[in-house]
Amino acid sequence: MDKDSKIYIAGHRGLVGSAIERRLRKEGYNNLILKTSSELNLINQKETNDFFNTEKPDYVFLAAAKVGGILANSTYPAEFLYNNLMISSNIINASYKSGVKKLVNLGSSCIYPKNAPQPMKEDCLLTSELETTNEGYAIAKIAAIKLCRYYNQQFGTNFISLMPTNQYGINDNFNMETAHLLPMLLRRFHLAKLLYEDNFDAIIKDLKQRKIGYRLDETIDFNDKNSIINVLNKIGAYKDKVIVWGDGSVYRELMSSDDLADASLYLMQNKDYKEVGELVNITNGDDIKLSELYEIVRNIVGVPQKIEYDTTKPNGTFRKLMNDTKIKRLGWEPKIKLEEGIKSVYSWYTGN
């Protein structure tokens, strides 16, 4: 991949896509093709084909997707399956037809069975049933992996699939209804801290800048402190406590999106499909107990309140740890430590 190669980043405004864009620009790649969803509807096959036929990108990073946490996935399964299936199918097919030299397909750890042996290896794929709460999204991502494999097999393309662990980072989604774990925690703890400090000016600024979800945005009266307090309480932020779901006993693996961008560029530059195979995990190879994660977030945000566990809410899967043997063998390892990464994201959040 040369510095003047035409590179298309599908989903460049998202968490992963924006990290890839930042990394490419840092390395001197400036011939980037970027389109917002309003400029290019990737769910539409004709629009996607016309775009590829016109732009003729040399390389493609497929980071576009409809994403969300456990609540969003279980509430809108049809949309998660259909939208993601169409996006990936259209891009992969158009990449083949327009002669793209190489494509990096970004997936998710949710492709693995809910009871897969830990840590999960790449060959666990399709060995047993999926987690039902995000099955629609997972099926779409599995289809993209197989589509890349079969295009490589049938047409000699060079499309590789990367399965990253749970991501966090700059440009994350902080909507409390659709966010993933870490941004949801950071915002909940941040708003609880502001409530403890009676800093309603900062709370109002936060609520006006980013949607909070659960249709609570429609109920806020910014001239009424009780209305604001009521909304914050509904998302678990109180003056005297912060409420978290479950009992804190389960484990989760987290990785900075900047590390994923680093891995994506490394594999795009250095490894072809024959070396990568059907898919490769992008992972730290370790995880953290949620109760410990809550304390790290509390210390970084500076929350003085107690943490209260709502054990009426589900814990989710006990452990989802990915095996890092293959990616290490391919010559890549993550660089950003968890606490360092969380501090960076919280600094970005409060500064933006």
Protein backbone atom coordinates (compact mmCIF):
# COMPACT_ATOMS: atom_id res chain seq x y z
CA MET A 1 0.00 0.00 0.00
CA ASP A 2 1.68 3.20 -1.22
CA LYS A 3 1.21 6.63 0.34
CA ASP A 4 -0.73 7.82 -2.71
CA SER A 5 -2.97 4.72 -2.95
CA LYS A 6 -6.71 5.42 -3.01
CA ILE A 7 -8.05 4.15 0.30
CA TYR A 8 -11.75 3.95 1.14
CA ILE A 9 -12.73 3.84 4.83
CA ALA A 10 -16.34 2.69 5.10
CA GLY A 11 -17.68 4.08 8.37
CA HIS A 12 -15.00 6.76 8.89
CA ARG A 13 -17.10 8.66 11.44
CA GLY A 14 -17.56 5.69 13.75
CA LEU A 15 -15.39 4.58 16.63
CA VAL A 16 -13.21 2.18 14.60
CA GLY A 17 -13.32 3.98 11.26
CA SER A 18 -12.26 7.31 12.76
CA ALA A 19 -9.37 5.61 14.56
CA ILE A 20 -8.24 4.08 11.25
CA GLU A 21 -8.49 7.48 9.55
CA ARG A 22 -6.41 9.13 12.30
CA ARG A 23 -3.76 6.43 12.02
CA LEU A 24 -3.57 6.56 8.23
CA ARG A 25 -3.19 10.35 8.23
CA LYS A 26 -0.51 10.10 10.90
CA GLU A 27 1.41 7.70 8.63
CA GLY A 28 1.10 10.06 5.66
CA TYR A 29 -1.75 8.42 3.76
CA ASN A 30 -3.82 11.35 2.52
CA ASN A 31 -5.56 9.99 -0.58
CA LEU A 32 -8.53 8.87 1.50
CA ILE A 33 -12.07 8.43 0.21
CA LEU A 34 -14.60 9.32 2.90
CA LYS A 35 -18.37 9.37 2.59
CA THR A 36 -21.00 9.98 5.25
CA SER A 37 -24.17 7.89 5.35
CA SER A 38 -26.12 10.84 3.95
CA GLU A 39 -23.72 10.99 1.00
CA LEU A 40 -23.64 7.24 0.34
CA ASN A 41 -26.24 4.71 1.44
CA LEU A 42 -24.27 1.48 1.73
CA ILE A 43 -27.47 -0.49 2.28
CA ASN A 44 -28.41 0.36 -1.31
CA GLN A 45 -26.64 -1.95 -3.77
CA LYS A 46 -26.86 0.37 -6.78
CA GLU A 47 -25.50 3.36 -4.88
CA THR A 48 -22.64 1.25 -3.55
CA ASN A 49 -21.78 -0.19 -6.98
CA ASP A 50 -21.93 3.24 -8.63
CA PHE A 51 -19.63 4.66 -5.95
CA PHE A 52 -17.03 1.90 -6.40
CA ASN A 53 -17.19 2.13 -10.19
CA THR A 54 -16.60 5.88 -10.03
CA GLU A 55 -13.98 6.10 -7.28
CA LYS A 56 -12.09 2.84 -7.99
CA PRO A 57 -10.43 2.55 -4.56
CA ASP A 58 -7.25 0.47 -4.33
CA TYR A 59 -7.78 -0.56 -0.70
CA VAL A 60 -10.85 -0.78 1.55
CA PHE A 61 -11.32 -0.80 5.32
CA LEU A 62 -14.84 -2.13 6.00
CA ALA A 63 -15.67 -0.53 9.36
CA ALA A 64 -19.23 0.59 8.56
CA ALA A 65 -21.93 -1.09 10.64
CA LYS A 66 -25.03 -0.58 12.70
CA VAL A 67 -23.72 -1.13 16.22
CA GLY A 68 -25.02 -1.01 19.78
CA GLY A 69 -24.99 -2.62 23.18
CA ILE A 70 -27.00 -5.53 24.55
CA LEU A 71 -30.22 -3.50 24.87
CA ALA A 72 -30.12 -2.14 21.33
CA ASN A 73 -29.25 -5.55 19.86
CA SER A 74 -32.07 -7.34 21.64
CA THR A 75 -34.60 -4.57 20.90
CA TYR A 76 -33.87 -4.16 17.16
CA PRO A 77 -32.63 -7.58 15.95
CA ALA A 78 -34.15 -7.33 12.47
CA GLU A 79 -32.44 -4.00 11.80
CA PHE A 80 -29.10 -5.25 13.10
CA LEU A 81 -29.26 -8.32 10.85
CA TYR A 82 -30.59 -6.68 7.69
CA ASN A 83 -28.57 -3.45 7.76
CA ASN A 84 -25.26 -5.13 8.55
CA LEU A 85 -25.85 -7.94 6.08
CA MET A 86 -26.56 -5.47 3.28
CA ILE A 87 -23.66 -3.14 4.12
CA SER A 88 -21.03 -5.88 4.15
CA SER A 89 -22.44 -7.77 1.17
CA ASN A 90 -22.63 -4.64 -0.99
CA ILE A 91 -19.11 -3.48 -0.12
CA ILE A 92 -17.46 -6.90 -0.52
CA ASN A 93 -19.18 -7.58 -3.84
CA ALA A 94 -18.45 -4.08 -5.18
CA SER A 95 -14.82 -4.38 -4.08
CA TYR A 96 -14.45 -7.56 -6.12
CA LYS A 97 -16.20 -6.14 -9.18
CA SER A 98 -14.20 -2.88 -9.18
CA GLY A 99 -10.82 -4.57 -8.70
CA VAL A 100 -9.95 -3.57 -5.14
CA LYS A 101 -6.47 -4.90 -4.35
CA LYS A 102 -7.14 -5.69 -0.71
CA LEU A 103 -9.96 -5.37 1.80
CA VAL A 104 -9.91 -5.50 5.61
CA ASN A 105 -13.27 -6.61 7.02
CA LEU A 106 -13.84 -5.63 10.66
CA GLY A 107 -16.07 -7.99 12.62
CA SER A 108 -16.80 -8.61 16.30
CA SER A 109 -16.16 -11.11 19.06
CA CYS A 110 -19.92 -11.78 19.22
CA ILE A 111 -19.50 -14.13 16.24
CA TYR A 112 -18.35 -16.83 18.67
CA PRO A 113 -20.76 -19.23 20.40
CA LYS A 114 -21.99 -18.16 23.82
CA ASN A 115 -20.47 -21.26 25.43
CA ALA A 116 -17.23 -21.32 23.45
CA PRO A 117 -14.18 -22.56 25.39
CA GLN A 118 -12.18 -19.70 26.91
CA PRO A 119 -10.10 -18.07 25.59
CA MET A 120 -11.96 -18.26 22.28
CA LYS A 121 -9.93 -19.44 19.31
CA GLU A 122 -10.72 -18.67 15.68
CA ASP A 123 -11.76 -22.27 15.02
CA CYS A 124 -14.63 -21.93 17.53
CA LEU A 125 -16.69 -20.24 14.81
CA LEU A 126 -20.05 -21.97 14.20
CA THR A 127 -19.35 -24.82 16.62
CA SER A 128 -22.48 -24.18 18.73
CA GLU A 129 -25.32 -21.71 19.31
CA LEU A 130 -24.83 -17.95 19.54
CA GLU A 131 -25.75 -15.59 22.35
CA THR A 132 -29.43 -14.79 21.67
CA THR A 133 -29.27 -11.11 22.68
CA ASN A 134 -27.02 -10.16 19.75
CA GLU A 135 -27.67 -13.05 17.37
CA GLY A 136 -28.84 -10.84 14.49
CA TYR A 137 -25.67 -8.76 14.51
CA ALA A 138 -23.51 -11.86 14.91
CA ILE A 139 -25.10 -13.67 11.96
CA ALA A 140 -24.48 -10.66 9.71
CA LYS A 141 -20.84 -10.54 10.76
CA ILE A 142 -20.40 -14.28 10.24
CA ALA A 143 -21.89 -13.93 6.76
CA ALA A 144 -19.32 -11.22 5.96
CA ILE A 145 -16.47 -13.49 7.08
CA LYS A 146 -17.72 -16.32 4.90
CA LEU A 147 -18.33 -13.99 1.96
CA CYS A 148 -14.74 -12.76 2.12
CA ARG A 149 -13.50 -16.33 2.32
CA TYR A 150 -15.58 -17.50 -0.65
CA TYR A 151 -14.64 -14.53 -2.83
CA ASN A 152 -11.00 -15.30 -2.08
CA GLN A 153 -11.58 -18.96 -2.86
CA GLN A 154 -13.63 -18.45 -6.04
CA PHE A 155 -12.22 -15.23 -7.48
CA GLY A 156 -8.71 -14.95 -6.03
CA THR A 157 -9.37 -11.75 -4.09
CA ASN A 158 -7.33 -10.69 -1.06
CA PHE A 159 -9.99 -9.95 1.56
CA ILE A 160 -9.08 -10.53 5.22
CA SER A 161 -11.36 -10.57 8.27
CA LEU A 162 -10.35 -9.19 11.66
CA MET A 163 -12.36 -10.00 14.78
CA PRO A 164 -11.64 -7.36 17.42
CA THR A 165 -12.56 -7.65 21.05
CA ASN A 166 -14.77 -5.01 22.73
CA GLN A 167 -13.66 -1.54 21.65
CA TYR A 168 -13.63 1.87 23.30
CA GLY A 169 -12.08 5.17 22.28
CA ILE A 170 -12.43 8.63 20.78
CA ASN A 171 -15.71 9.19 18.89
CA ASP A 172 -17.43 6.46 20.87
CA ASN A 173 -21.21 6.36 21.28
CA PHE A 174 -22.30 7.77 24.66
CA ASN A 175 -26.07 7.34 24.21
CA MET A 176 -27.10 5.47 27.36
CA GLU A 177 -29.56 3.30 25.43
CA THR A 178 -27.28 2.13 22.64
CA ALA A 179 -23.72 2.55 24.00
CA HIS A 180 -21.33 -0.25 24.80
CA LEU A 181 -20.11 -0.90 28.33
CA LEU A 182 -17.24 1.54 28.86
CA PRO A 183 -18.70 4.74 27.33
CA MET A 184 -21.93 4.03 29.20
CA LEU A 185 -20.02 3.72 32.48
CA LEU A 186 -17.93 6.83 31.86
CA ARG A 187 -20.96 8.99 31.16
CA ARG A 188 -22.98 7.60 34.07
CA PHE A 189 -20.13 8.18 36.52
CA HIS A 190 -19.39 11.62 35.04
CA LEU A 191 -23.00 12.80 35.37
CA ALA A 192 -23.18 11.37 38.90
CA LYS A 193 -20.07 13.34 39.82
CA LEU A 194 -21.56 16.56 38.42
CA LEU A 195 -24.79 15.89 40.31
CA TYR A 196 -22.86 15.41 43.56
CA GLU A 197 -21.15 18.74 42.89
CA ASP A 198 -24.49 20.45 42.07
CA ASN A 199 -22.91 21.52 38.78
CA PHE A 200 -26.12 21.82 36.79
CA ASP A 201 -24.56 24.07 34.16
CA ALA A 202 -22.18 21.26 33.21
CA ILE A 203 -24.98 18.67 33.38
CA ILE A 204 -27.19 20.71 31.06
CA LYS A 205 -24.31 21.22 28.64
CA ASP A 206 -23.67 17.46 28.58
CA LEU A 207 -27.35 16.57 28.06
CA LYS A 208 -27.74 19.10 25.26
CA GLN A 209 -24.60 17.97 23.50
CA ARG A 210 -25.28 14.21 23.45
CA LYS A 211 -28.53 12.25 23.44
CA ILE A 212 -29.14 10.16 26.52
CA GLY A 213 -31.62 7.66 25.04
CA TYR A 214 -34.62 5.76 26.40
CA ARG A 215 -36.66 8.70 25.02
CA LEU A 216 -35.60 10.60 28.12
CA ASP A 217 -34.30 13.49 25.99
CA GLU A 218 -37.92 14.38 25.21
CA THR A 219 -38.83 14.58 28.91
CA ILE A 220 -36.09 16.93 30.15
CA ASP A 221 -37.10 20.40 31.29
CA PHE A 222 -33.79 22.26 31.47
CA ASN A 223 -35.39 24.94 33.63
CA ASP A 224 -36.39 22.41 36.28
CA LYS A 225 -33.66 20.81 38.39
CA ASN A 226 -36.00 18.05 39.55
CA SER A 227 -36.67 17.09 35.93
CA ILE A 228 -32.94 16.82 35.30
CA ILE A 229 -32.37 14.84 38.49
CA ASN A 230 -35.18 12.45 37.56
CA VAL A 231 -33.57 11.73 34.18
CA LEU A 232 -30.15 11.14 35.73
CA ASN A 233 -31.64 8.80 38.32
CA LYS A 234 -33.24 6.74 35.57
CA ILE A 235 -29.81 6.04 34.05
CA GLY A 236 -28.29 5.16 37.42
CA ALA A 237 -26.65 8.49 38.35
CA TYR A 238 -27.59 9.76 41.82
CA LYS A 239 -26.27 12.40 44.18
CA ASP A 240 -25.22 9.75 46.70
CA LYS A 241 -24.57 6.67 44.55
CA VAL A 242 -23.96 5.22 41.09
CA ILE A 243 -25.99 2.16 40.13
CA VAL A 244 -24.50 -0.54 37.87
CA TRP A 245 -26.14 -3.65 36.44
CA GLY A 246 -25.54 -7.14 37.82
CA ASP A 247 -23.24 -8.09 40.67
CA GLY A 248 -19.86 -7.22 39.12
CA SER A 249 -18.66 -10.81 39.06
CA VAL A 250 -18.34 -11.27 35.29
CA TYR A 251 -15.31 -10.50 33.13
CA ARG A 252 -14.91 -8.38 30.02
CA GLU A 253 -12.03 -7.72 27.65
CA LEU A 254 -11.54 -4.15 26.42
CA MET A 255 -9.23 -2.69 23.79
CA SER A 256 -8.56 0.83 22.60
CA SER A 257 -9.75 1.56 19.06
CA ASP A 258 -6.32 3.10 18.41
CA ASP A 259 -4.80 -0.34 18.98
CA LEU A 260 -7.31 -1.84 16.56
CA ALA A 261 -6.40 0.80 13.98
CA ASP A 262 -2.75 -0.11 14.46
CA ALA A 263 -3.51 -3.80 13.92
CA SER A 264 -5.67 -3.05 10.87
CA LEU A 265 -2.93 -1.04 9.20
CA TYR A 266 -0.27 -3.61 10.10
CA LEU A 267 -2.23 -6.47 8.56
CA MET A 268 -3.24 -4.43 5.51
CA GLN A 269 0.41 -3.58 4.85
CA ASN A 270 2.05 -6.88 5.75
CA LYS A 271 -0.21 -9.94 5.66
CA ASP A 272 -2.30 -11.48 2.89
CA TYR A 273 -5.26 -13.81 3.06
CA LYS A 274 -3.11 -16.93 2.67
CA GLU A 275 -1.27 -15.99 5.89
CA VAL A 276 -4.26 -14.71 7.86
CA GLY A 277 -6.72 -17.44 6.90
CA GLU A 278 -10.47 -17.12 7.34
CA LEU A 279 -10.22 -14.75 10.31
CA VAL A 280 -7.92 -13.56 13.07
CA ASN A 281 -8.69 -12.27 16.56
CA ILE A 282 -7.50 -8.77 17.43
CA THR A 283 -7.17 -8.99 21.18
CA ASN A 284 -5.17 -8.22 24.30
CA GLY A 285 -5.50 -11.81 25.42
CA ASP A 286 -6.63 -10.75 28.90
CA ASP A 287 -9.74 -9.39 30.62
CA ILE A 288 -10.91 -7.66 33.79
CA LYS A 289 -13.57 -8.34 36.40
CA LEU A 290 -16.34 -5.75 36.12
CA SER A 291 -16.16 -4.83 39.80
CA GLU A 292 -12.50 -3.91 39.25
CA LEU A 293 -13.35 -1.98 36.08
CA TYR A 294 -15.96 0.04 37.99
CA GLU A 295 -13.33 1.07 40.53
CA ILE A 296 -10.90 2.11 37.79
CA VAL A 297 -13.58 4.25 36.15
CA ARG A 298 -14.60 5.71 39.52
CA ASN A 299 -11.01 6.74 40.26
CA ILE A 300 -10.41 8.23 36.79
CA VAL A 301 -13.65 10.23 36.84
CA GLY A 302 -13.19 11.15 40.50
CA VAL A 303 -16.58 9.97 41.74
CA PRO A 304 -16.94 10.21 45.56
CA GLN A 305 -20.25 8.32 45.71
CA LYS A 306 -20.66 4.64 46.51
CA ILE A 307 -21.27 2.05 43.79
CA GLU A 308 -24.49 0.10 44.18
CA TYR A 309 -25.15 -3.16 42.30
CA ASP A 310 -28.60 -3.78 40.83
CA THR A 311 -28.73 -7.57 40.94
CA THR A 312 -32.20 -7.64 39.38
CA LYS A 313 -30.45 -6.80 36.10
CA PRO A 314 -28.56 -9.48 34.13
CA ASN A 315 -24.82 -10.02 34.36
CA GLY A 316 -24.57 -11.22 30.79
CA THR A 317 -22.11 -13.89 29.65
CA PHE A 318 -19.69 -14.77 32.44
CA ARG A 319 -16.58 -14.47 30.29
CA LYS A 320 -15.78 -13.54 26.67
CA LEU A 321 -12.03 -13.75 26.34
CA MET A 322 -10.39 -14.11 22.93
CA ASN A 323 -7.27 -16.13 22.22
CA ASP A 324 -4.30 -14.05 21.03
CA THR A 325 -2.01 -16.84 19.80
CA LYS A 326 -2.65 -16.31 16.10
CA ILE A 327 -2.31 -12.52 16.00
CA LYS A 328 0.92 -12.72 17.99
CA ARG A 329 2.22 -15.30 15.53
CA LEU A 330 1.43 -12.84 12.74
CA GLY A 331 3.67 -10.31 14.48
CA TRP A 332 1.30 -7.85 16.19
CA GLU A 333 0.58 -7.00 19.84
CA PRO A 334 -1.45 -4.17 21.43
CA LYS A 335 0.37 -1.25 23.04
CA ILE A 336 -2.18 0.76 25.05
CA LYS A 337 -2.79 -0.28 28.67
CA LEU A 338 -6.41 -0.23 29.86
CA GLU A 339 -6.11 2.52 32.48
CA GLU A 340 -4.09 4.70 30.13
CA GLY A 341 -6.70 4.23 27.40
CA ILE A 342 -9.65 5.04 29.68
CA LYS A 343 -7.95 8.21 30.91
CA SER A 344 -7.43 9.29 27.31
CA VAL A 345 -11.07 8.72 26.37
CA TYR A 346 -12.40 10.48 29.47
CA SER A 347 -10.15 13.45 28.76
CA TRP A 348 -11.49 13.57 25.19
CA TYR A 349 -15.09 13.27 26.43
CA THR A 350 -14.84 16.12 28.90
CA GLY A 351 -12.97 18.27 26.39
CA ASN A 352 -15.53 17.74 23.61
